[in-house]
Amino acid sequence: MAKRKLTRRQSWRIQKIQDERAARASKKDAAIEQQLDSSDLGPEQHGLIISHFGRTVDVEAKEGDNQGEIIRCHMRTNLGQLVTGDRVIWREGKDTGVVVAKLERKSELLRPNPYGDMKPVAANIDFIVITVAVEPTPYANLIDRYLVAAELSGIEPVILLNKTDLLNNDNRVEIDAMLQRYRDIGYTVLLASSSSEEGLADLKSYLDNRISVFVGQSGVGKSSLINVLLPGVDLKVGSLSTQTKKGRHTTTTARLFHFPDGGDLIDSPGIREFGLWHIEPDDVINGFKELQPLAGSCRFRDCKHEKEPGCALKSAVEDGTISEYRWKSYKHILSSIEEQNS
């Protein structure tokens, strides 16, 4: 995606703001270093970041006398960007704590910003729960974008259809057919309704003792699901726009919640369209689990899977081994990335 051209004055203002932020960060780091050099801080201990607020984070103590307590902590700049789900080493202070080290991540969910820079959203995740709903209308291409991101992140995706109480004779056949295509590929598909509580026991059992992150369009009911799964959390719930049938954003920062019987859940800010322009076109095929094994079986090594003879992928589409819907989705995502990068 081409970056926006800035005027000289705009560039100067951006640089000025960045310099001011750097100065504030340096001042904060100096204060933190002064704390670290003094005897005001307690011993090092393990913690888990459960939410992030700019220059501070909420850390849950995982050991010691204050185990289970949540402490607001400052962060040292040289730690890089910390996110919800990070395991850290922190020290307790008089009013706030200080995160002094970040432990290695086993996985991370990244999201590109409009300028193509990657921003981590959450860390150490076992499942990405791709949440769609009967309303707003679920689109396979949006699901496929999430699946590509999950596959390339190495995090197991689960597809969850919420608001099943809204299924009727007008929408059931099409939605059932779409979900069955994902089951046929080998993906886990779960059904639930936060209103009727249908399927919630199965969902909770599946997520038991795992760290999961819910992603999906605004309005699909992620916050409502969490409110039912975790009574007492009471996340703010937004209604659908009556004109667009799209959701209004209600979550502004990722936050981690504990299930009473084990397992953790991260609620992330709503994403209407999951951008993939940071991915190289040649890597898109690795995000389609049924296409990837066939990628090296074409007659020509540099096959573009267009009109070349002996293309293994097009043959698989023609004989029904690969869903034509998924093939068209692959081509659409590939085309959109190439267009954005041109």
Protein backbone atom coordinates (compact mmCIF):
# COMPACT_ATOMS: atom_id res chain seq x y z
CA MET A 1 0.00 0.00 0.00
CA ALA A 2 1.51 3.34 -1.04
CA LYS A 3 2.27 5.69 1.85
CA ARG A 4 0.66 9.10 1.92
CA LYS A 5 2.84 12.02 0.72
CA LEU A 6 3.22 14.72 3.35
CA THR A 7 3.91 18.42 2.95
CA ARG A 8 7.03 19.90 4.53
CA ARG A 9 4.95 21.50 7.29
CA GLN A 10 3.13 18.23 8.01
CA SER A 11 6.45 16.39 8.20
CA TRP A 12 7.81 19.07 10.57
CA ARG A 13 4.76 18.82 12.85
CA ILE A 14 4.93 15.01 12.93
CA GLN A 15 8.63 15.14 13.79
CA LYS A 16 7.96 17.74 16.50
CA ILE A 17 5.28 15.55 18.07
CA GLN A 18 7.55 12.52 17.93
CA ASP A 19 10.40 14.46 19.55
CA GLU A 20 8.09 15.63 22.34
CA ARG A 21 6.88 12.08 22.93
CA ALA A 22 10.47 10.81 22.98
CA ALA A 23 11.38 13.49 25.52
CA ARG A 24 8.45 12.53 27.76
CA ALA A 25 9.35 8.85 27.44
CA SER A 26 12.98 9.63 28.29
CA LYS A 27 11.87 11.58 31.37
CA LYS A 28 9.62 8.72 32.42
CA ASP A 29 12.43 6.21 31.88
CA ALA A 30 14.74 8.35 34.00
CA ALA A 31 12.18 8.28 36.81
CA ILE A 32 11.80 4.51 36.44
CA GLU A 33 15.57 4.02 36.46
CA GLN A 34 15.77 6.13 39.60
CA GLN A 35 13.19 3.87 41.20
CA LEU A 36 15.09 0.78 40.09
CA ASP A 37 18.32 2.10 41.59
CA SER A 38 16.63 2.87 44.88
CA SER A 39 15.30 0.51 47.51
CA ASP A 40 11.70 1.60 46.90
CA LEU A 41 10.85 -1.39 44.70
CA GLY A 42 10.14 -4.91 45.83
CA PRO A 43 11.78 -8.11 44.52
CA GLU A 44 11.36 -9.34 40.95
CA GLN A 45 8.35 -11.57 40.39
CA HIS A 46 6.36 -13.09 37.53
CA GLY A 47 3.22 -11.46 36.21
CA LEU A 48 0.72 -11.51 33.35
CA ILE A 49 -0.40 -8.41 31.43
CA ILE A 50 -4.18 -8.38 31.37
CA SER A 51 -4.69 -4.96 29.74
CA HIS A 52 -2.68 -2.14 28.18
CA PHE A 53 -3.11 1.64 28.55
CA GLY A 54 -0.48 3.54 26.58
CA ARG A 55 2.58 3.84 28.82
CA THR A 56 1.09 1.70 31.60
CA VAL A 57 -0.25 -1.84 31.86
CA ASP A 58 -2.31 -3.81 34.35
CA VAL A 59 -0.27 -6.77 35.59
CA GLU A 60 -1.71 -9.72 37.47
CA ALA A 61 0.70 -11.04 40.09
CA LYS A 62 1.35 -14.75 39.53
CA GLU A 63 3.31 -15.44 42.72
CA GLY A 64 4.03 -14.10 46.21
CA ASP A 65 1.75 -12.72 48.88
CA ASN A 66 -0.20 -10.62 46.36
CA GLN A 67 -0.83 -13.47 43.90
CA GLY A 68 -3.97 -12.79 41.87
CA GLU A 69 -3.94 -9.06 42.56
CA ILE A 70 -3.88 -6.57 39.67
CA ILE A 71 -1.24 -3.83 39.82
CA ARG A 72 -0.91 -0.83 37.49
CA CYS A 73 2.69 -0.78 36.20
CA HIS A 74 4.93 1.47 34.13
CA MET A 75 7.11 -0.07 31.43
CA ARG A 76 10.74 0.42 30.52
CA THR A 77 11.02 1.65 26.91
CA ASN A 78 13.69 -0.88 25.95
CA LEU A 79 11.22 -3.75 26.42
CA GLY A 80 9.55 -3.09 23.08
CA GLN A 81 5.78 -3.14 22.70
CA LEU A 82 4.02 -5.12 25.41
CA VAL A 83 0.52 -6.47 24.83
CA THR A 84 -2.23 -8.30 26.65
CA GLY A 85 -1.17 -11.88 27.31
CA ASP A 86 2.53 -11.11 27.70
CA ARG A 87 4.31 -12.84 30.58
CA VAL A 88 6.59 -10.40 32.33
CA ILE A 89 8.88 -9.80 35.29
CA TRP A 90 7.82 -6.85 37.42
CA ARG A 91 8.65 -5.14 40.71
CA GLU A 92 6.21 -3.59 43.13
CA GLY A 93 6.52 0.09 44.06
CA LYS A 94 4.83 2.42 46.51
CA ASP A 95 2.04 3.58 44.20
CA THR A 96 2.67 1.65 40.97
CA GLY A 97 4.86 -1.21 39.85
CA VAL A 98 7.48 -1.39 37.11
CA VAL A 99 7.74 -4.03 34.38
CA VAL A 100 11.46 -4.79 34.07
CA ALA A 101 11.54 -7.71 31.61
CA LYS A 102 9.39 -9.50 29.04
CA LEU A 103 9.47 -13.29 28.75
CA GLU A 104 9.60 -14.98 25.34
CA ARG A 105 6.28 -15.23 23.51
CA LYS A 106 5.09 -18.59 22.23
CA SER A 107 2.71 -16.87 19.78
CA GLU A 108 1.45 -13.42 18.91
CA LEU A 109 -1.43 -11.96 16.93
CA LEU A 110 -0.34 -9.05 14.71
CA ARG A 111 -2.51 -6.49 12.97
CA PRO A 112 -1.31 -4.04 10.30
CA ASN A 113 -2.14 -0.37 10.62
CA PRO A 114 -3.18 1.69 7.56
CA TYR A 115 0.49 2.39 6.79
CA GLY A 116 1.48 -1.27 6.65
CA ASP A 117 3.33 -1.32 9.99
CA MET A 118 2.66 -4.37 12.14
CA LYS A 119 1.12 -3.90 15.56
CA PRO A 120 0.85 -6.77 18.06
CA VAL A 121 -2.64 -7.20 19.51
CA ALA A 122 -2.21 -10.10 21.94
CA ALA A 123 0.40 -12.71 22.90
CA ASN A 124 0.70 -16.36 23.96
CA ILE A 125 -2.60 -17.37 22.39
CA ASP A 126 -3.79 -20.96 21.84
CA PHE A 127 -6.97 -20.24 19.83
CA ILE A 128 -8.17 -17.44 17.60
CA VAL A 129 -11.97 -17.53 17.85
CA ILE A 130 -13.19 -16.04 14.57
CA THR A 131 -16.60 -14.76 15.60
CA VAL A 132 -19.30 -14.14 13.00
CA ALA A 133 -23.04 -13.77 13.47
CA VAL A 134 -26.30 -14.24 11.65
CA GLU A 135 -26.47 -10.41 11.79
CA PRO A 136 -24.44 -8.56 10.57
CA THR A 137 -24.42 -10.87 7.55
CA PRO A 138 -21.37 -13.19 7.64
CA TYR A 139 -19.16 -13.13 4.54
CA ALA A 140 -16.84 -16.00 3.69
CA ASN A 141 -14.12 -13.71 2.35
CA LEU A 142 -13.88 -11.92 5.71
CA ILE A 143 -13.66 -15.28 7.49
CA ASP A 144 -10.94 -16.32 5.03
CA ARG A 145 -8.94 -13.18 5.81
CA TYR A 146 -8.96 -14.08 9.49
CA LEU A 147 -8.05 -17.68 8.64
CA VAL A 148 -5.07 -16.54 6.55
CA ALA A 149 -3.87 -14.36 9.43
CA ALA A 150 -4.32 -17.24 11.89
CA GLU A 151 -2.59 -19.82 9.69
CA LEU A 152 0.39 -17.54 9.03
CA SER A 153 0.59 -16.71 12.76
CA GLY A 154 0.69 -20.38 13.65
CA ILE A 155 -2.33 -20.02 15.97
CA GLU A 156 -5.19 -22.52 15.71
CA PRO A 157 -8.39 -20.87 14.41
CA VAL A 158 -11.91 -21.74 15.54
CA ILE A 159 -14.98 -20.41 13.71
CA LEU A 160 -17.87 -19.39 15.95
CA LEU A 161 -21.32 -18.47 14.65
CA ASN A 162 -23.12 -16.31 17.21
CA LYS A 163 -26.76 -15.19 17.35
CA THR A 164 -28.07 -18.56 16.16
CA ASP A 165 -31.45 -17.55 17.59
CA LEU A 166 -31.76 -15.28 14.50
CA LEU A 167 -31.55 -18.18 12.03
CA ASN A 168 -34.69 -18.52 9.94
CA ASN A 169 -35.93 -19.94 6.64
CA ASP A 170 -34.51 -16.97 4.75
CA ASN A 171 -30.90 -17.26 5.91
CA ARG A 172 -30.38 -20.75 7.32
CA VAL A 173 -29.61 -22.64 4.09
CA GLU A 174 -26.92 -20.21 2.90
CA ILE A 175 -25.22 -19.89 6.29
CA ASP A 176 -25.29 -23.67 6.91
CA ALA A 177 -23.72 -24.30 3.49
CA MET A 178 -20.97 -21.76 4.16
CA LEU A 179 -20.11 -23.25 7.56
CA GLN A 180 -20.13 -26.78 6.15
CA ARG A 181 -17.45 -25.81 3.63
CA TYR A 182 -15.15 -24.93 6.54
CA ARG A 183 -15.96 -28.19 8.33
CA ASP A 184 -15.09 -30.09 5.16
CA ILE A 185 -11.66 -28.43 5.09
CA GLY A 186 -11.07 -29.50 8.68
CA TYR A 187 -11.83 -26.38 10.71
CA THR A 188 -13.72 -26.53 13.98
CA VAL A 189 -17.06 -24.70 13.74
CA LEU A 190 -19.05 -23.90 16.88
CA LEU A 191 -22.56 -22.44 17.21
CA ALA A 192 -23.80 -20.25 20.04
CA SER A 193 -26.30 -17.64 21.08
CA SER A 194 -25.65 -15.21 23.90
CA SER A 195 -29.40 -14.48 24.03
CA SER A 196 -30.72 -18.04 24.34
CA GLU A 197 -27.41 -19.39 25.76
CA GLU A 198 -27.57 -22.20 23.20
CA GLY A 199 -24.14 -23.83 22.64
CA LEU A 200 -22.37 -21.88 25.39
CA ALA A 201 -21.53 -25.01 27.40
CA ASP A 202 -19.82 -26.57 24.36
CA LEU A 203 -17.94 -23.32 23.66
CA LYS A 204 -16.75 -23.01 27.24
CA SER A 205 -15.65 -26.65 27.31
CA TYR A 206 -13.65 -26.16 24.10
CA LEU A 207 -11.83 -23.12 25.50
CA ASP A 208 -11.16 -24.74 28.88
CA ASN A 209 -7.56 -24.29 30.12
CA ARG A 210 -6.52 -22.44 26.94
CA ILE A 211 -5.83 -18.80 26.15
CA SER A 212 -8.18 -17.64 23.41
CA VAL A 213 -8.71 -14.33 21.63
CA PHE A 214 -12.05 -13.34 20.12
CA VAL A 215 -11.81 -11.46 16.82
CA GLY A 216 -14.47 -10.37 14.39
CA GLN A 217 -16.51 -7.50 13.05
CA SER A 218 -18.08 -5.06 15.44
CA GLY A 219 -21.65 -6.09 16.15
CA VAL A 220 -21.16 -9.87 16.03
CA GLY A 221 -21.70 -10.06 19.80
CA LYS A 222 -18.23 -10.71 21.22
CA SER A 223 -18.87 -8.57 24.30
CA SER A 224 -22.32 -10.09 24.82
CA LEU A 225 -20.81 -13.58 24.67
CA ILE A 226 -18.19 -12.65 27.24
CA ASN A 227 -20.83 -11.17 29.54
CA VAL A 228 -22.70 -14.49 29.49
CA LEU A 229 -19.58 -16.66 29.72
CA LEU A 230 -18.17 -14.54 32.54
CA PRO A 231 -21.01 -13.21 34.73
CA GLY A 232 -20.06 -9.98 36.45
CA VAL A 233 -17.68 -8.73 33.75
CA ASP A 234 -20.39 -6.52 32.21
CA LEU A 235 -18.59 -5.31 29.10
CA LYS A 236 -20.24 -2.43 27.28
CA VAL A 237 -22.43 -3.79 24.49
CA GLY A 238 -23.16 -1.86 21.29
CA SER A 239 -26.22 -2.20 19.09
CA LEU A 240 -26.18 -2.58 15.32
CA SER A 241 -26.63 0.46 13.16
CA THR A 242 -30.18 0.27 11.81
CA GLN A 243 -29.02 1.63 8.43
CA THR A 244 -25.85 -0.37 7.80
CA LYS A 245 -26.40 -3.43 10.01
CA LYS A 246 -22.74 -2.99 11.04
CA GLY A 247 -21.66 -2.87 14.65
CA ARG A 248 -20.47 0.08 16.63
CA HIS A 249 -17.09 -0.31 18.31
CA THR A 250 -17.41 -0.85 22.06
CA THR A 251 -14.03 -2.33 23.04
CA THR A 252 -11.10 0.11 23.00
CA THR A 253 -8.28 -2.05 24.38
CA ALA A 254 -7.62 -5.78 24.52
CA ARG A 255 -8.31 -7.26 27.95
CA LEU A 256 -7.77 -10.72 29.41
CA PHE A 257 -10.41 -12.45 31.53
CA HIS A 258 -10.22 -15.71 33.50
CA PHE A 259 -12.83 -18.45 33.26
CA PRO A 260 -13.80 -19.66 36.76
CA ASP A 261 -13.06 -23.28 35.83
CA GLY A 262 -9.79 -22.57 34.00
CA GLY A 263 -8.68 -20.94 30.80
CA ASP A 264 -8.34 -17.31 29.74
CA LEU A 265 -10.12 -15.20 27.17
CA ILE A 266 -8.91 -12.01 25.46
CA ASP A 267 -11.41 -9.56 24.04
CA SER A 268 -9.84 -7.44 21.30
CA PRO A 269 -11.03 -4.22 19.64
CA GLY A 270 -13.51 -4.90 16.82
CA ILE A 271 -12.13 -5.14 13.32
CA ARG A 272 -14.47 -4.60 10.38
CA GLU A 273 -11.94 -5.56 7.72
CA PHE A 274 -8.80 -7.49 8.51
CA GLY A 275 -6.10 -5.96 6.30
CA LEU A 276 -3.57 -8.38 4.83
CA TRP A 277 -1.50 -5.97 2.75
CA HIS A 278 1.56 -6.68 4.91
CA ILE A 279 1.65 -10.26 3.56
CA GLU A 280 3.72 -11.08 0.50
CA PRO A 281 1.52 -12.37 -2.37
CA ASP A 282 3.50 -15.64 -2.54
CA ASP A 283 2.66 -16.33 1.12
CA VAL A 284 -1.12 -16.05 0.75
CA ILE A 285 -1.40 -19.64 -0.46
CA ASN A 286 0.12 -20.81 2.84
CA GLY A 287 -2.91 -19.33 4.58
CA PHE A 288 -5.24 -21.70 2.68
CA LYS A 289 -4.60 -25.08 4.29
CA GLU A 290 -6.17 -27.10 1.46
CA LEU A 291 -4.24 -25.25 -1.28
CA GLN A 292 -0.79 -25.28 0.30
CA PRO A 293 -0.05 -29.04 -0.21
CA LEU A 294 -0.77 -28.70 -3.95
CA ALA A 295 1.34 -25.58 -4.51
CA GLY A 296 4.43 -27.51 -5.58
CA SER A 297 2.61 -30.01 -7.81
CA CYS A 298 2.06 -27.81 -10.87
CA ARG A 299 3.81 -28.67 -14.13
CA PHE A 300 5.74 -25.40 -14.09
CA ARG A 301 7.65 -24.25 -11.03
CA ASP A 302 6.69 -20.59 -11.61
CA CYS A 303 3.01 -21.38 -12.20
CA LYS A 304 0.79 -18.39 -11.40
CA HIS A 305 -2.32 -20.60 -11.23
CA GLU A 306 -4.02 -18.65 -13.97
CA LYS A 307 -4.12 -20.22 -17.45
CA GLU A 308 -0.94 -22.32 -17.34
CA PRO A 309 -1.34 -25.96 -18.47
CA GLY A 310 -0.82 -28.58 -15.79
CA CYS A 311 -1.85 -26.33 -12.87
CA ALA A 312 -2.55 -28.65 -9.94
CA LEU A 313 -4.69 -26.10 -8.14
CA LYS A 314 -7.02 -25.35 -11.04
CA SER A 315 -7.36 -29.09 -11.70
CA ALA A 316 -8.35 -29.62 -8.06
CA VAL A 317 -10.99 -26.89 -8.39
CA GLU A 318 -12.35 -28.42 -11.57
CA ASP A 319 -12.69 -31.90 -10.08
CA GLY A 320 -14.25 -30.57 -6.87
CA THR A 321 -11.36 -31.41 -4.55
CA ILE A 322 -11.06 -27.72 -3.71
CA SER A 323 -14.13 -25.57 -3.12
CA GLU A 324 -14.69 -23.03 -5.87
CA TYR A 325 -15.79 -20.56 -3.19
CA ARG A 326 -12.43 -20.84 -1.42
CA TRP A 327 -10.55 -20.65 -4.72
CA LYS A 328 -12.33 -17.42 -5.64
CA SER A 329 -11.64 -16.08 -2.15
CA TYR A 330 -7.93 -16.90 -2.53
CA LYS A 331 -7.78 -15.10 -5.89
CA HIS A 332 -9.69 -12.11 -4.47
CA ILE A 333 -7.35 -11.75 -1.46
CA LEU A 334 -4.31 -12.16 -3.70
CA SER A 335 -5.60 -9.53 -6.13
CA SER A 336 -6.40 -7.07 -3.33
CA ILE A 337 -2.89 -7.40 -1.87
CA GLU A 338 -1.23 -6.95 -5.25
CA GLU A 339 -3.42 -3.91 -5.95
CA GLN A 340 -2.63 -2.32 -2.59
CA ASN A 341 1.10 -2.94 -3.01
CA SER A 342 1.24 -1.53 -6.55
